[in-house]
Amino acid sequence: MLWRRARYRNHHRAHLNGLRLPLGRYAIGVTTLAERLGYSEDARLLIINCDDLGSTRAANVAIYQSLREGLATSATLMVPCPWARDAAAEYRGEDVGVHLTLNSEWENYRWGPITRSPSLLDGDGGFPRTLADLWDHADLDEVRKECRAQIERAIYWGFDVSHLDSHMGSVQLRPEFFDVYLEMATEFALPLRMGGAAGEAQVGFPYRRLAAEEGIVFSDHFLYTRVGSRGDIERMLSNMRPGVTEIYFHPAVETDELRASHPDWSGRVRDHDALCSNDAFRRLVDDSGATLIGFKELREVQRAG
């Protein structure tokens, strides 16, 4: 597998014209991601990502508003979802990655693979609702085919894909699925969302070290949160550590369809409020001393080598 990853990396770097940063920018002895990004070693850098672009029209409206007028610095697209093409039509060059999607968790609102992949279907023709069902039945070749197709379709639709992450953690939290996640990052020369050390301890394998060994760039710190729950985020912002931190939201505007399809709809509306109209939250971000960045900056560092 490693020789394949090296081949993919060399192939894509040879064709990424105009994206390589000057090597002279990085001084000997530079070791931290902040320094590689051109900041001081003790800089506090913050990525605010919006998950689930393309999942609903309500999400598309809120996420693009959060990117264009609010605090968000990046988003990730759910390519298989019914409103993904609408998200592509509204795209204007924002920092958007691919939210690799192999689950469809809602009872009344379903989506499925964009490839012919029978092992990725449950009994009613959509993706499995749970991670356990996915992990028990998915064929890894079909997982690989589907993930690659989702990235390629986003590129075909015109997205300048900035990074990859994983809906519900499906391809990060299980070792054999993580291998696909890492392969896609290497093949397309893209940074990854990665959980922190606590997440590694829970899943039982060193995914951060494995990614770093392959030259994949990811944030220093990552905060898991529930939809609409800002308490942990507010505490983190009050005590930000040096380095790059990623936090994420699921913003959506309130609609009848959202209320019917998403049991957590009110949290999504609160997320939209936090990013676009909550003055107290904006002050908290400002007072943290963090510099807002996106995943495109991480992508350029990774592609520069």
C-alpha atoms as a PDB file:
ATOM      1  CA  MET A   1       0.000   0.000   0.000  1.00  0.00           C
ATOM      2  CA  LEU A   2       2.810   2.436   0.794  1.00  0.00           C
ATOM      3  CA  TRP A   3       4.295   2.257  -2.684  1.00  0.00           C
ATOM      4  CA  ARG A   4       0.864   3.075  -4.110  1.00  0.00           C
ATOM      5  CA  ARG A   5       0.591   6.114  -1.858  1.00  0.00           C
ATOM      6  CA  ALA A   6       4.044   7.313  -2.903  1.00  0.00           C
ATOM      7  CA  ARG A   7       3.091   6.857  -6.543  1.00  0.00           C
ATOM      8  CA  TYR A   8      -0.136   8.806  -6.071  1.00  0.00           C
ATOM      9  CA  ARG A   9       1.675  11.592  -4.223  1.00  0.00           C
ATOM     10  CA  ASN A  10       4.390  11.954  -6.869  1.00  0.00           C
ATOM     11  CA  HIS A  11       1.891  11.802  -9.725  1.00  0.00           C
ATOM     12  CA  HIS A  12      -0.354  14.506  -8.325  1.00  0.00           C
ATOM     13  CA  ARG A  13       2.483  16.770  -7.255  1.00  0.00           C
ATOM     14  CA  ALA A  14       3.862  16.600 -10.782  1.00  0.00           C
ATOM     15  CA  HIS A  15       0.569  17.966 -12.090  1.00  0.00           C
ATOM     16  CA  LEU A  16      -0.254  20.598  -9.467  1.00  0.00           C
ATOM     17  CA  ASN A  17       1.069  23.493 -11.545  1.00  0.00           C
ATOM     18  CA  GLY A  18       1.151  26.839  -9.808  1.00  0.00           C
ATOM     19  CA  LEU A  19       0.303  25.449  -6.370  1.00  0.00           C
ATOM     20  CA  ARG A  20       3.803  24.761  -5.023  1.00  0.00           C
ATOM     21  CA  LEU A  21       4.997  27.324  -2.494  1.00  0.00           C
ATOM     22  CA  PRO A  22       8.624  28.503  -2.559  1.00  0.00           C
ATOM     23  CA  LEU A  23      10.767  26.152  -0.518  1.00  0.00           C
ATOM     24  CA  GLY A  24      12.853  29.058   0.755  1.00  0.00           C
ATOM     25  CA  ARG A  25       9.935  30.114   2.903  1.00  0.00           C
ATOM     26  CA  TYR A  26      10.665  27.365   5.404  1.00  0.00           C
ATOM     27  CA  ALA A  27      13.804  27.873   7.447  1.00  0.00           C
ATOM     28  CA  ILE A  28      15.898  25.007   8.736  1.00  0.00           C
ATOM     29  CA  GLY A  29      14.566  23.936  12.109  1.00  0.00           C
ATOM     30  CA  VAL A  30      10.971  24.964  11.471  1.00  0.00           C
ATOM     31  CA  THR A  31       8.898  22.203  13.040  1.00  0.00           C
ATOM     32  CA  THR A  32       5.471  23.509  14.017  1.00  0.00           C
ATOM     33  CA  LEU A  33       2.542  23.791  11.650  1.00  0.00           C
ATOM     34  CA  ALA A  34       2.096  27.434  12.644  1.00  0.00           C
ATOM     35  CA  GLU A  35       5.658  28.186  11.547  1.00  0.00           C
ATOM     36  CA  ARG A  36       5.179  26.322   8.279  1.00  0.00           C
ATOM     37  CA  LEU A  37       2.149  28.532   7.700  1.00  0.00           C
ATOM     38  CA  GLY A  38       4.319  31.617   8.209  1.00  0.00           C
ATOM     39  CA  TYR A  39       3.302  32.461  11.788  1.00  0.00           C
ATOM     40  CA  SER A  40       5.220  32.436  15.039  1.00  0.00           C
ATOM     41  CA  GLU A  41       5.613  29.207  16.980  1.00  0.00           C
ATOM     42  CA  ASP A  42       3.183  30.375  19.664  1.00  0.00           C
ATOM     43  CA  ALA A  43       0.527  31.724  17.268  1.00  0.00           C
ATOM     44  CA  ARG A  44      -3.073  30.697  17.855  1.00  0.00           C
ATOM     45  CA  LEU A  45      -4.751  29.825  14.560  1.00  0.00           C
ATOM     46  CA  LEU A  46      -8.399  28.833  14.242  1.00  0.00           C
ATOM     47  CA  ILE A  47     -10.284  26.996  11.498  1.00  0.00           C
ATOM     48  CA  ILE A  48     -14.082  27.236  11.776  1.00  0.00           C
ATOM     49  CA  ASN A  49     -15.564  24.584   9.503  1.00  0.00           C
ATOM     50  CA  CYS A  50     -19.201  24.118   8.476  1.00  0.00           C
ATOM     51  CA  ASP A  51     -20.154  20.475   8.000  1.00  0.00           C
ATOM     52  CA  ASP A  52     -22.969  19.136   5.793  1.00  0.00           C
ATOM     53  CA  LEU A  53     -22.957  21.531   2.829  1.00  0.00           C
ATOM     54  CA  GLY A  54     -25.269  19.964   0.246  1.00  0.00           C
ATOM     55  CA  SER A  55     -27.352  18.061   2.761  1.00  0.00           C
ATOM     56  CA  THR A  56     -30.336  20.432   2.544  1.00  0.00           C
ATOM     57  CA  ARG A  57     -31.219  23.759   0.982  1.00  0.00           C
ATOM     58  CA  ALA A  58     -31.415  25.105   4.543  1.00  0.00           C
ATOM     59  CA  ALA A  59     -27.794  24.092   5.125  1.00  0.00           C
ATOM     60  CA  ASN A  60     -26.621  25.564   1.820  1.00  0.00           C
ATOM     61  CA  VAL A  61     -28.131  28.973   2.554  1.00  0.00           C
ATOM     62  CA  ALA A  62     -26.738  29.099   6.093  1.00  0.00           C
ATOM     63  CA  ILE A  63     -23.288  27.773   5.245  1.00  0.00           C
ATOM     64  CA  TYR A  64     -22.641  30.138   2.367  1.00  0.00           C
ATOM     65  CA  GLN A  65     -23.848  33.039   4.489  1.00  0.00           C
ATOM     66  CA  SER A  66     -21.525  31.882   7.285  1.00  0.00           C
ATOM     67  CA  LEU A  67     -18.599  31.770   4.856  1.00  0.00           C
ATOM     68  CA  ARG A  68     -19.343  35.070   3.122  1.00  0.00           C
ATOM     69  CA  GLU A  69     -20.622  37.200   5.977  1.00  0.00           C
ATOM     70  CA  GLY A  70     -19.950  35.292   9.182  1.00  0.00           C
ATOM     71  CA  LEU A  71     -17.104  33.678  11.074  1.00  0.00           C
ATOM     72  CA  ALA A  72     -16.758  30.426   9.101  1.00  0.00           C
ATOM     73  CA  THR A  73     -13.515  29.852   7.212  1.00  0.00           C
ATOM     74  CA  SER A  74     -14.235  26.533   5.480  1.00  0.00           C
ATOM     75  CA  ALA A  75     -16.957  23.976   4.782  1.00  0.00           C
ATOM     76  CA  THR A  76     -17.295  20.396   3.616  1.00  0.00           C
ATOM     77  CA  LEU A  77     -19.636  19.073   0.931  1.00  0.00           C
ATOM     78  CA  MET A  78     -21.766  15.919   1.210  1.00  0.00           C
ATOM     79  CA  VAL A  79     -21.586  14.930  -2.457  1.00  0.00           C
ATOM     80  CA  PRO A  80     -24.231  12.138  -2.417  1.00  0.00           C
ATOM     81  CA  CYS A  81     -26.932  14.312  -0.843  1.00  0.00           C
ATOM     82  CA  PRO A  82     -29.908  15.693  -2.798  1.00  0.00           C
ATOM     83  CA  TRP A  83     -28.858  19.344  -2.440  1.00  0.00           C
ATOM     84  CA  ALA A  84     -25.182  18.916  -3.354  1.00  0.00           C
ATOM     85  CA  ARG A  85     -25.701  20.060  -6.938  1.00  0.00           C
ATOM     86  CA  ASP A  86     -27.466  23.166  -5.628  1.00  0.00           C
ATOM     87  CA  ALA A  87     -24.413  23.841  -3.453  1.00  0.00           C
ATOM     88  CA  ALA A  88     -22.226  23.535  -6.545  1.00  0.00           C
ATOM     89  CA  ALA A  89     -24.382  26.039  -8.421  1.00  0.00           C
ATOM     90  CA  GLU A  90     -23.960  28.547  -5.566  1.00  0.00           C
ATOM     91  CA  TYR A  91     -20.192  28.025  -5.205  1.00  0.00           C
ATOM     92  CA  ARG A  92     -18.051  31.136  -5.703  1.00  0.00           C
ATOM     93  CA  GLY A  93     -14.594  29.887  -4.801  1.00  0.00           C
ATOM     94  CA  GLU A  94     -15.050  29.502  -1.054  1.00  0.00           C
ATOM     95  CA  ASP A  95     -12.840  27.134   0.969  1.00  0.00           C
ATOM     96  CA  VAL A  96     -14.774  23.867   0.526  1.00  0.00           C
ATOM     97  CA  GLY A  97     -13.625  20.303   1.089  1.00  0.00           C
ATOM     98  CA  VAL A  98     -15.368  16.946   0.739  1.00  0.00           C
ATOM     99  CA  HIS A  99     -17.264  15.419   3.664  1.00  0.00           C
ATOM    100  CA  LEU A 100     -16.775  11.768   2.682  1.00  0.00           C
ATOM    101  CA  THR A 101     -20.198  10.245   3.222  1.00  0.00           C
ATOM    102  CA  LEU A 102     -20.968   6.558   3.762  1.00  0.00           C
ATOM    103  CA  ASN A 103     -23.883   6.853   6.202  1.00  0.00           C
ATOM    104  CA  SER A 104     -27.428   8.185   5.950  1.00  0.00           C
ATOM    105  CA  GLU A 105     -28.577   8.506   9.536  1.00  0.00           C
ATOM    106  CA  TRP A 106     -32.005  10.154   9.376  1.00  0.00           C
ATOM    107  CA  GLU A 107     -35.248   8.197   9.408  1.00  0.00           C
ATOM    108  CA  ASN A 108     -37.251  10.277   6.922  1.00  0.00           C
ATOM    109  CA  TYR A 109     -34.530  11.743   4.705  1.00  0.00           C
ATOM    110  CA  ARG A 110     -32.202   9.386   2.863  1.00  0.00           C
ATOM    111  CA  TRP A 111     -29.306   9.334   0.391  1.00  0.00           C
ATOM    112  CA  GLY A 112     -27.078   6.618  -1.013  1.00  0.00           C
ATOM    113  CA  PRO A 113     -23.885   5.930  -2.961  1.00  0.00           C
ATOM    114  CA  ILE A 114     -23.108   7.577  -6.282  1.00  0.00           C
ATOM    115  CA  THR A 115     -21.348   4.400  -7.438  1.00  0.00           C
ATOM    116  CA  ARG A 116     -22.725   0.910  -7.925  1.00  0.00           C
ATOM    117  CA  SER A 117     -21.754  -0.413  -4.493  1.00  0.00           C
ATOM    118  CA  PRO A 118     -24.207  -2.974  -3.081  1.00  0.00           C
ATOM    119  CA  SER A 119     -22.283  -3.424   0.160  1.00  0.00           C
ATOM    120  CA  LEU A 120     -22.873   0.262   0.978  1.00  0.00           C
ATOM    121  CA  LEU A 121     -26.665  -0.083   0.892  1.00  0.00           C
ATOM    122  CA  ASP A 122     -29.046  -0.965   3.676  1.00  0.00           C
ATOM    123  CA  GLY A 123     -32.453  -2.576   3.284  1.00  0.00           C
ATOM    124  CA  ASP A 124     -34.247   0.508   1.973  1.00  0.00           C
ATOM    125  CA  GLY A 125     -31.681   1.474  -0.646  1.00  0.00           C
ATOM    126  CA  GLY A 126     -29.719   4.185   1.180  1.00  0.00           C
ATOM    127  CA  PHE A 127     -26.428   4.208   3.004  1.00  0.00           C
ATOM    128  CA  PRO A 128     -26.430   2.394   6.374  1.00  0.00           C
ATOM    129  CA  ARG A 129     -27.841   4.437   9.232  1.00  0.00           C
ATOM    130  CA  THR A 130     -25.189   3.420  11.766  1.00  0.00           C
ATOM    131  CA  LEU A 131     -21.427   3.081  11.786  1.00  0.00           C
ATOM    132  CA  ALA A 132     -21.716  -0.470  13.109  1.00  0.00           C
ATOM    133  CA  ASP A 133     -23.843  -1.516  10.133  1.00  0.00           C
ATOM    134  CA  LEU A 134     -21.427   0.141   7.707  1.00  0.00           C
ATOM    135  CA  TRP A 135     -18.323  -1.363   9.260  1.00  0.00           C
ATOM    136  CA  ASP A 136     -19.872  -4.836   9.464  1.00  0.00           C
ATOM    137  CA  HIS A 137     -20.953  -5.054   5.834  1.00  0.00           C
ATOM    138  CA  ALA A 138     -18.955  -2.660   3.637  1.00  0.00           C
ATOM    139  CA  ASP A 139     -16.551  -4.028   1.055  1.00  0.00           C
ATOM    140  CA  LEU A 140     -13.362  -1.963   1.248  1.00  0.00           C
ATOM    141  CA  ASP A 141     -12.913  -1.867  -2.519  1.00  0.00           C
ATOM    142  CA  GLU A 142     -16.389  -0.361  -2.792  1.00  0.00           C
ATOM    143  CA  VAL A 143     -15.572   2.096   0.006  1.00  0.00           C
ATOM    144  CA  ARG A 144     -12.470   3.166  -1.903  1.00  0.00           C
ATOM    145  CA  LYS A 145     -14.386   3.470  -5.174  1.00  0.00           C
ATOM    146  CA  GLU A 146     -17.158   5.528  -3.575  1.00  0.00           C
ATOM    147  CA  CYS A 147     -14.806   7.896  -1.746  1.00  0.00           C
ATOM    148  CA  ARG A 148     -12.775   8.520  -4.871  1.00  0.00           C
ATOM    149  CA  ALA A 149     -15.937   9.124  -6.903  1.00  0.00           C
ATOM    150  CA  GLN A 150     -17.208  11.674  -4.370  1.00  0.00           C
ATOM    151  CA  ILE A 151     -13.971  13.663  -4.559  1.00  0.00           C
ATOM    152  CA  GLU A 152     -13.838  13.469  -8.342  1.00  0.00           C
ATOM    153  CA  ARG A 153     -17.447  14.592  -8.674  1.00  0.00           C
ATOM    154  CA  ALA A 154     -16.817  17.618  -6.462  1.00  0.00           C
ATOM    155  CA  ILE A 155     -13.871  18.544  -8.667  1.00  0.00           C
ATOM    156  CA  TYR A 156     -15.958  17.983 -11.809  1.00  0.00           C
ATOM    157  CA  TRP A 157     -18.641  20.311 -10.421  1.00  0.00           C
ATOM    158  CA  GLY A 158     -16.004  23.030 -10.139  1.00  0.00           C
ATOM    159  CA  PHE A 159     -15.007  22.920  -6.473  1.00  0.00           C
ATOM    160  CA  ASP A 160     -11.390  23.744  -5.682  1.00  0.00           C
ATOM    161  CA  VAL A 161     -11.359  21.010  -3.049  1.00  0.00           C
ATOM    162  CA  SER A 162      -9.409  22.143   0.001  1.00  0.00           C
ATOM    163  CA  HIS A 163      -9.456  19.120   2.319  1.00  0.00           C
ATOM    164  CA  LEU A 164     -11.206  15.924   3.333  1.00  0.00           C
ATOM    165  CA  ASP A 165     -13.172  14.956   6.382  1.00  0.00           C
ATOM    166  CA  SER A 166     -15.518  12.120   7.230  1.00  0.00           C
ATOM    167  CA  HIS A 167     -19.255  12.163   7.937  1.00  0.00           C
ATOM    168  CA  MET A 168     -19.813  10.537  11.342  1.00  0.00           C
ATOM    169  CA  GLY A 169     -16.126   9.567  11.369  1.00  0.00           C
ATOM    170  CA  SER A 170     -16.843   6.565   9.161  1.00  0.00           C
ATOM    171  CA  VAL A 171     -13.436   6.386   7.480  1.00  0.00           C
ATOM    172  CA  GLN A 172     -11.362   7.738  10.341  1.00  0.00           C
ATOM    173  CA  LEU A 173     -12.335   5.683  13.356  1.00  0.00           C
ATOM    174  CA  ARG A 174     -11.744   2.117  12.103  1.00  0.00           C
ATOM    175  CA  PRO A 175      -8.215   1.064  11.006  1.00  0.00           C
ATOM    176  CA  GLU A 176      -9.078  -0.620   7.713  1.00  0.00           C
ATOM    177  CA  PHE A 177     -11.332   2.284   6.716  1.00  0.00           C
ATOM    178  CA  PHE A 178      -8.716   4.796   7.815  1.00  0.00           C
ATOM    179  CA  ASP A 179      -6.370   3.287   5.250  1.00  0.00           C
ATOM    180  CA  VAL A 180      -8.813   4.429   2.549  1.00  0.00           C
ATOM    181  CA  TYR A 181      -9.051   7.889   4.139  1.00  0.00           C
ATOM    182  CA  LEU A 182      -5.274   8.197   4.103  1.00  0.00           C
ATOM    183  CA  GLU A 183      -5.038   6.888   0.555  1.00  0.00           C
ATOM    184  CA  MET A 184      -7.490   9.523  -0.696  1.00  0.00           C
ATOM    185  CA  ALA A 185      -5.573  12.298   1.083  1.00  0.00           C
ATOM    186  CA  THR A 186      -2.350  11.146  -0.517  1.00  0.00           C
ATOM    187  CA  GLU A 187      -3.829  10.558  -3.960  1.00  0.00           C
ATOM    188  CA  PHE A 188      -5.409  14.016  -4.147  1.00  0.00           C
ATOM    189  CA  ALA A 189      -2.734  15.811  -2.070  1.00  0.00           C
ATOM    190  CA  LEU A 190      -5.258  17.090   0.473  1.00  0.00           C
ATOM    191  CA  PRO A 191      -5.106  17.727   4.233  1.00  0.00           C
ATOM    192  CA  LEU A 192      -7.397  15.831   6.567  1.00  0.00           C
ATOM    193  CA  ARG A 193      -9.583  16.486   9.561  1.00  0.00           C
ATOM    194  CA  MET A 194      -8.058  14.435  12.341  1.00  0.00           C
ATOM    195  CA  GLY A 195      -9.226  13.833  15.866  1.00  0.00           C
ATOM    196  CA  GLY A 196      -6.930  14.501  18.790  1.00  0.00           C
ATOM    197  CA  ALA A 197      -5.011  12.246  21.149  1.00  0.00           C
ATOM    198  CA  ALA A 198      -8.119  11.477  23.187  1.00  0.00           C
ATOM    199  CA  GLY A 199      -9.817  10.136  20.076  1.00  0.00           C
ATOM    200  CA  GLU A 200      -6.804   7.968  19.296  1.00  0.00           C
ATOM    201  CA  ALA A 201      -6.996   6.441  22.751  1.00  0.00           C
ATOM    202  CA  GLN A 202     -10.663   5.599  22.222  1.00  0.00           C
ATOM    203  CA  VAL A 203     -10.256   3.926  18.825  1.00  0.00           C
ATOM    204  CA  GLY A 204      -6.994   2.204  19.681  1.00  0.00           C
ATOM    205  CA  PHE A 205      -4.692   3.072  16.783  1.00  0.00           C
ATOM    206  CA  PRO A 206      -2.339   6.028  16.143  1.00  0.00           C
ATOM    207  CA  TYR A 207      -4.057   7.690  13.202  1.00  0.00           C
ATOM    208  CA  ARG A 208      -2.247  11.005  13.705  1.00  0.00           C
ATOM    209  CA  ARG A 209       1.172   9.397  13.517  1.00  0.00           C
ATOM    210  CA  LEU A 210       0.172   7.316  10.500  1.00  0.00           C
ATOM    211  CA  ALA A 211      -1.024  10.410   8.640  1.00  0.00           C
ATOM    212  CA  ALA A 212       2.064  12.427   9.559  1.00  0.00           C
ATOM    213  CA  GLU A 213       4.332   9.664   8.270  1.00  0.00           C
ATOM    214  CA  GLU A 214       2.633   9.995   4.878  1.00  0.00           C
ATOM    215  CA  GLY A 215       3.165  13.750   4.776  1.00  0.00           C
ATOM    216  CA  ILE A 216      -0.490  14.597   5.382  1.00  0.00           C
ATOM    217  CA  VAL A 217      -1.169  17.927   7.106  1.00  0.00           C
ATOM    218  CA  PHE A 218      -3.867  18.254   9.779  1.00  0.00           C
ATOM    219  CA  SER A 219      -4.692  20.605  12.635  1.00  0.00           C
ATOM    220  CA  ASP A 220      -2.834  20.402  15.928  1.00  0.00           C
ATOM    221  CA  HIS A 221      -6.062  20.393  17.938  1.00  0.00           C
ATOM    222  CA  PHE A 222      -9.609  19.318  17.141  1.00  0.00           C
ATOM    223  CA  LEU A 223     -12.702  19.709  19.282  1.00  0.00           C
ATOM    224  CA  TYR A 224     -15.580  17.212  19.027  1.00  0.00           C
ATOM    225  CA  THR A 225     -18.912  18.868  19.790  1.00  0.00           C
ATOM    226  CA  ARG A 226     -22.604  18.114  19.484  1.00  0.00           C
ATOM    227  CA  VAL A 227     -24.786  20.038  17.058  1.00  0.00           C
ATOM    228  CA  GLY A 228     -25.828  23.336  18.634  1.00  0.00           C
ATOM    229  CA  SER A 229     -23.733  22.848  21.776  1.00  0.00           C
ATOM    230  CA  ARG A 230     -21.377  25.787  22.282  1.00  0.00           C
ATOM    231  CA  GLY A 231     -20.256  25.264  25.875  1.00  0.00           C
ATOM    232  CA  ASP A 232     -17.121  23.256  25.019  1.00  0.00           C
ATOM    233  CA  ILE A 233     -16.285  25.630  22.165  1.00  0.00           C
ATOM    234  CA  GLU A 234     -16.600  28.671  24.413  1.00  0.00           C
ATOM    235  CA  ARG A 235     -14.364  27.084  27.051  1.00  0.00           C
ATOM    236  CA  MET A 236     -11.782  26.192  24.402  1.00  0.00           C
ATOM    237  CA  LEU A 237     -11.794  29.726  22.981  1.00  0.00           C
ATOM    238  CA  SER A 238     -11.247  31.121  26.462  1.00  0.00           C
ATOM    239  CA  ASN A 239      -8.106  28.984  26.844  1.00  0.00           C
ATOM    240  CA  MET A 240      -6.785  28.524  23.306  1.00  0.00           C
ATOM    241  CA  ARG A 241      -3.561  26.626  22.919  1.00  0.00           C
ATOM    242  CA  PRO A 242      -0.844  27.632  20.450  1.00  0.00           C
ATOM    243  CA  GLY A 243      -1.048  25.977  17.048  1.00  0.00           C
ATOM    244  CA  VAL A 244      -3.878  25.264  14.631  1.00  0.00           C
ATOM    245  CA  THR A 245      -7.253  24.351  16.133  1.00  0.00           C
ATOM    246  CA  GLU A 246     -10.285  23.197  14.152  1.00  0.00           C
ATOM    247  CA  ILE A 247     -13.820  23.591  15.452  1.00  0.00           C
ATOM    248  CA  TYR A 248     -16.912  22.764  13.450  1.00  0.00           C
ATOM    249  CA  PHE A 249     -20.577  23.717  13.214  1.00  0.00           C
ATOM    250  CA  HIS A 250     -23.665  22.478  11.355  1.00  0.00           C
ATOM    251  CA  PRO A 251     -25.451  25.722  10.425  1.00  0.00           C
ATOM    252  CA  ALA A 252     -28.881  25.747   8.789  1.00  0.00           C
ATOM    253  CA  VAL A 253     -31.732  28.205   8.422  1.00  0.00           C
ATOM    254  CA  GLU A 254     -35.056  27.158   9.901  1.00  0.00           C
ATOM    255  CA  THR A 255     -37.500  25.636   7.393  1.00  0.00           C
ATOM    256  CA  ASP A 256     -40.405  23.199   7.575  1.00  0.00           C
ATOM    257  CA  GLU A 257     -38.336  20.596   5.731  1.00  0.00           C
ATOM    258  CA  LEU A 258     -35.433  20.914   8.166  1.00  0.00           C
ATOM    259  CA  ARG A 259     -37.774  20.567  11.154  1.00  0.00           C
ATOM    260  CA  ALA A 260     -39.304  17.419   9.648  1.00  0.00           C
ATOM    261  CA  SER A 261     -36.089  15.725   8.529  1.00  0.00           C
ATOM    262  CA  HIS A 262     -33.542  16.597  11.234  1.00  0.00           C
ATOM    263  CA  PRO A 263     -34.417  15.950  14.890  1.00  0.00           C
ATOM    264  CA  ASP A 264     -31.524  18.242  15.863  1.00  0.00           C
ATOM    265  CA  TRP A 265     -32.794  21.103  13.680  1.00  0.00           C
ATOM    266  CA  SER A 266     -32.848  23.649  16.518  1.00  0.00           C
ATOM    267  CA  GLY A 267     -29.149  23.109  17.204  1.00  0.00           C
ATOM    268  CA  ARG A 268     -28.375  23.729  13.554  1.00  0.00           C
ATOM    269  CA  VAL A 269     -30.294  26.984  13.661  1.00  0.00           C
ATOM    270  CA  ARG A 270     -28.322  27.973  16.785  1.00  0.00           C
ATOM    271  CA  ASP A 271     -25.093  27.175  14.957  1.00  0.00           C
ATOM    272  CA  HIS A 272     -26.127  29.546  12.170  1.00  0.00           C
ATOM    273  CA  ASP A 273     -26.865  32.225  14.727  1.00  0.00           C
ATOM    274  CA  ALA A 274     -23.470  31.767  16.373  1.00  0.00           C
ATOM    275  CA  LEU A 275     -21.597  32.216  13.120  1.00  0.00           C
ATOM    276  CA  CYS A 276     -23.632  35.035  11.613  1.00  0.00           C
ATOM    277  CA  SER A 277     -25.463  37.127  14.185  1.00  0.00           C
ATOM    278  CA  ASN A 278     -24.393  36.358  17.750  1.00  0.00           C
ATOM    279  CA  ASP A 279     -22.331  39.344  18.897  1.00  0.00           C
ATOM    280  CA  ALA A 280     -21.284  37.659  22.137  1.00  0.00           C
ATOM    281  CA  PHE A 281     -19.828  34.680  20.289  1.00  0.00           C
ATOM    282  CA  ARG A 282     -18.026  36.954  17.822  1.00  0.00           C
ATOM    283  CA  ARG A 283     -16.489  38.852  20.748  1.00  0.00           C
ATOM    284  CA  LEU A 284     -15.371  35.556  22.273  1.00  0.00           C
ATOM    285  CA  VAL A 285     -13.589  34.627  19.036  1.00  0.00           C
ATOM    286  CA  ASP A 286     -12.006  38.083  18.852  1.00  0.00           C
ATOM    287  CA  ASP A 287     -10.933  37.991  22.502  1.00  0.00           C
ATOM    288  CA  SER A 288      -9.310  34.562  22.071  1.00  0.00           C
ATOM    289  CA  GLY A 289      -6.499  36.203  20.113  1.00  0.00           C
ATOM    290  CA  ALA A 290      -6.878  33.648  17.340  1.00  0.00           C
ATOM    291  CA  THR A 291      -6.150  34.347  13.693  1.00  0.00           C
ATOM    292  CA  LEU A 292      -8.810  32.805  11.453  1.00  0.00           C
ATOM    293  CA  ILE A 293      -7.491  30.607   8.643  1.00  0.00           C
ATOM    294  CA  GLY A 294      -8.930  27.973   6.310  1.00  0.00           C
ATOM    295  CA  PHE A 295      -7.905  24.595   4.977  1.00  0.00           C
ATOM    296  CA  LYS A 296      -6.561  26.025   1.725  1.00  0.00           C
ATOM    297  CA  GLU A 297      -3.576  27.328   3.690  1.00  0.00           C
ATOM    298  CA  LEU A 298      -2.948  23.836   5.055  1.00  0.00           C
ATOM    299  CA  ARG A 299      -3.303  22.385   1.567  1.00  0.00           C
ATOM    300  CA  GLU A 300      -0.618  24.701   0.180  1.00  0.00           C
ATOM    301  CA  VAL A 301       1.779  23.747   2.973  1.00  0.00           C
ATOM    302  CA  GLN A 302       1.184  20.052   2.293  1.00  0.00           C
ATOM    303  CA  ARG A 303       1.694  20.423  -1.440  1.00  0.00           C
ATOM    304  CA  ALA A 304       4.868  22.422  -0.911  1.00  0.00           C
ATOM    305  CA  GLY A 305       6.379  19.402   0.845  1.00  0.00           C
END
